[in-house]
Amino acid sequence: MISIYMAQKKAYCSCIETVIPVRDALDVINGKWKLPIIISITIGNERFTDIQDSIPGITPKVLAKELKDLEQHKLIKRHIQDEYPVKILYKPEPYSVTLHPIIDALKAWGLNHRQKLFEK
């Protein structure tokens, strides 16, 4: 009886050890817009309007909020160029590179899932 309890406790701990970091990660990249914004900036869109134009359906208000959030999480950096007119550029932080394998895995899974759904 004790061994069953210990096995259940171990499984519970293992589950919690997985769930908590996954939830932490999802808190940062969750939502409709965060990954598309990161991808847009990573491929070279630096200006607000360029980022907005590259993501169909995103509003300026939502983009501004999401950019601030991504900056707080140290995934992007806001650069202000002191010239006239003032330019504000967004660049990926080196830390954002850690998301590339996740983005690649999500892309591969999404392509596979789309194919699975539309198989005849």
Protein backbone atom coordinates (compact mmCIF):
# COMPACT_ATOMS: atom_id res chain seq x y z
CA MET A 1 0.00 0.00 0.00
CA ILE A 2 2.83 2.38 0.83
CA SER A 3 4.53 1.80 -2.53
CA ILE A 4 1.33 2.83 -4.38
CA TYR A 5 1.18 6.01 -2.30
CA MET A 6 4.84 6.76 -3.01
CA ALA A 7 4.35 6.15 -6.73
CA GLN A 8 1.34 8.48 -6.79
CA LYS A 9 3.23 11.13 -4.85
CA LYS A 10 6.19 10.85 -7.23
CA ALA A 11 3.90 11.14 -10.25
CA TYR A 12 2.19 14.17 -8.68
CA CYS A 13 5.53 15.87 -8.01
CA SER A 14 6.69 15.08 -11.53
CA CYS A 15 3.49 16.57 -12.94
CA ILE A 16 3.83 19.74 -10.87
CA GLU A 17 7.51 20.03 -11.84
CA THR A 18 6.37 20.06 -15.47
CA VAL A 19 3.18 22.08 -15.19
CA ILE A 20 4.60 25.05 -13.29
CA PRO A 21 7.40 25.91 -15.75
CA VAL A 22 5.08 25.31 -18.72
CA ARG A 23 2.53 27.71 -17.23
CA ASP A 24 5.31 30.25 -16.61
CA ALA A 25 6.35 29.99 -20.26
CA LEU A 26 2.77 30.30 -21.48
CA ASP A 27 2.28 33.39 -19.31
CA VAL A 28 5.01 35.07 -21.37
CA ILE A 29 4.16 33.90 -24.90
CA ASN A 30 0.47 33.11 -24.58
CA GLY A 31 -2.13 34.91 -26.60
CA LYS A 32 -2.91 35.63 -30.18
CA TRP A 33 -0.25 38.28 -30.81
CA LYS A 34 2.97 37.74 -28.83
CA LEU A 35 4.62 35.09 -31.01
CA PRO A 36 3.67 36.84 -34.27
CA ILE A 37 5.20 40.06 -32.90
CA ILE A 38 8.39 38.27 -31.88
CA ILE A 39 8.58 36.60 -35.30
CA SER A 40 7.99 39.92 -37.07
CA ILE A 41 10.73 41.68 -35.13
CA THR A 42 13.10 38.74 -35.51
CA ILE A 43 12.79 38.77 -39.31
CA GLY A 44 13.68 42.46 -39.40
CA ASN A 45 10.57 44.58 -38.89
CA GLU A 46 11.79 47.24 -36.47
CA ARG A 47 9.32 50.10 -36.79
CA PHE A 48 5.89 50.06 -35.18
CA THR A 49 4.06 50.45 -38.50
CA ASP A 50 6.15 47.72 -40.17
CA ILE A 51 5.37 45.33 -37.32
CA GLN A 52 1.67 46.23 -37.48
CA ASP A 53 1.56 45.81 -41.27
CA SER A 54 3.17 42.36 -41.01
CA ILE A 55 0.50 41.04 -38.63
CA PRO A 56 -3.01 41.12 -40.13
CA GLY A 57 -5.72 42.16 -37.71
CA ILE A 58 -3.64 43.61 -34.89
CA THR A 59 -4.70 47.05 -33.70
CA PRO A 60 -2.23 49.80 -32.73
CA LYS A 61 -3.50 49.74 -29.14
CA VAL A 62 -2.99 45.98 -28.78
CA LEU A 63 0.41 46.14 -30.50
CA ALA A 64 1.58 48.88 -28.12
CA LYS A 65 0.46 46.87 -25.09
CA GLU A 66 2.07 43.65 -26.30
CA LEU A 67 5.35 45.42 -27.18
CA LYS A 68 5.54 46.80 -23.63
CA ASP A 69 4.87 43.36 -22.21
CA LEU A 70 7.53 41.71 -24.38
CA GLU A 71 9.99 44.43 -23.38
CA GLN A 72 9.28 43.78 -19.70
CA HIS A 73 10.06 40.11 -20.26
CA LYS A 74 13.37 41.10 -21.91
CA LEU A 75 12.51 39.55 -25.27
CA ILE A 76 12.66 42.81 -27.23
CA LYS A 77 14.32 46.18 -26.74
CA ARG A 78 12.87 49.58 -27.57
CA HIS A 79 15.44 51.94 -29.11
CA ILE A 80 14.78 55.66 -29.43
CA GLN A 81 16.81 57.40 -32.11
CA ASP A 82 17.25 61.04 -31.28
CA GLU A 83 16.74 62.66 -34.61
CA TYR A 84 13.98 64.64 -36.21
CA PRO A 85 11.51 63.12 -36.45
CA VAL A 86 12.20 60.81 -33.53
CA LYS A 87 12.39 57.15 -34.56
CA ILE A 88 11.41 54.32 -32.25
CA LEU A 89 12.74 50.92 -33.24
CA TYR A 90 12.12 47.49 -31.72
CA LYS A 91 14.87 44.92 -31.84
CA PRO A 92 15.07 41.36 -30.54
CA GLU A 93 17.10 40.87 -27.40
CA PRO A 94 19.69 38.06 -27.48
CA TYR A 95 17.47 36.20 -24.99
CA SER A 96 14.71 35.97 -27.61
CA VAL A 97 16.86 33.49 -29.56
CA THR A 98 15.90 30.92 -26.91
CA LEU A 99 12.39 30.99 -28.39
CA HIS A 100 13.53 29.96 -31.89
CA PRO A 101 13.44 26.19 -31.20
CA ILE A 102 10.00 26.59 -29.63
CA ILE A 103 8.74 28.58 -32.62
CA ASP A 104 10.21 26.02 -35.02
CA ALA A 105 8.60 23.16 -33.07
CA LEU A 106 5.23 24.94 -33.01
CA LYS A 107 5.48 25.61 -36.75
CA ALA A 108 6.25 21.96 -37.48
CA TRP A 109 3.46 20.76 -35.21
CA GLY A 110 1.01 23.25 -36.75
CA LEU A 111 1.85 22.16 -40.29
CA ASN A 112 1.51 18.51 -39.29
CA HIS A 113 -1.76 19.17 -37.47
CA ARG A 114 -3.20 21.12 -40.41
CA GLN A 115 -2.30 18.22 -42.72
CA LYS A 116 -3.86 15.73 -40.29
CA LEU A 117 -7.09 17.74 -40.12
CA PHE A 118 -7.45 18.05 -43.87
CA GLU A 119 -6.50 14.48 -44.84
CA LYS A 120 -9.06 12.64 -46.86
